[in-house]
């Protein structure tokens, strides 16, 4: 029995532009090999930093490149905070971020997600009652793991709270460009570019194996973060940065993004139609217009037992508790990105039968 994996949100094999990347790699090694294969400044390959800066309408010295955005977040946590400091996160949130925060000895304050994003009433109450939150981590566009999008009203209100109570906003935006329908809201960075820390990467847009992520930092943080990075790994891979830059510079991203949106958009529609057709009414789920994930909430806290039952039926699920600071027994993350439409339909039908035999 072939297993169906509703586990990691990985790009499928067919999404990776192997031939184009091979041509870019060959070209940059021939043209720039002596430089990009040598030790180099820790902030990363300047042409790619400049290209990102132009897109963000920011100065290049605010851009730092790393081995994926998660590594940059790890550096930020150590540069900005001390063990015992309080940080806020959406609940549920990206599980590896919780791992980094726990590893740094931080106190994590979870804020539940509603249909329109973060529970800001709860956040404001905590801040007003003296909670010293130093930083909030948020994925406002097609959130991992729920697929939710923060409304414009809540984006503006979060910015206002950050200004009033003096905490950092870290906006993670790996899925923002993967919108398959509907209109985008301005990013938090768009609304307040001088103080928001924005993270993103090319893992979902080109491929994860190159490990090219970046941060747009407030001006006063760039030297500190860059020095910490240099003391940690000397410099990131300039070869990988140069390959990504050549891919972008050659105009390959435009057509590739159209291809990705068509590919993932059809898979998302397939998942939502399968949920509508098969899933018991007492379950609820998100209806995202982009990204990689649909979040499913069970009517009971049967998630851990469900994992074992699913395994016997050839269905692999992530433990929902991993995305929560507390609880999560009633949550299932459903990635649709790496499964074809037949696998999605079969997988959701099996899941529904396991939930409601």
Foldseek 3Di string as FASTA:
>chain_A
DAFFEQADLFFAPVLAPVVLLVVLLVVCCVVPVVPLVDQDAAQADQLLLVVVCVVLVHDSLLKRKALALLVLVLLVCVLQHAAAAEAEEEVQADLVVVVSCVVRNYHYDYFYADQQGTPVVVVVVCVVVPRLHAEYEYAQALGPQAGHHHDPVVLVVVVVVCVVRVHAYEYEYAWQLFFLDDDDDDDNCSVPVQGHKYKYACCLQHRSPLRIIMIRHHPVCSVSSSVSSCVVPVHHRNSSSSSVSSCVVVVVSVVSSVVLNVLVQVLLVLLVVLCVVQADPLKDWHNHRGDFKIKIFHNDLQQVVLQVVCVVVSYHWDQQCSSGPDRRSGMTIGGRNHDHSVSSNVRSNSSRVSSPD
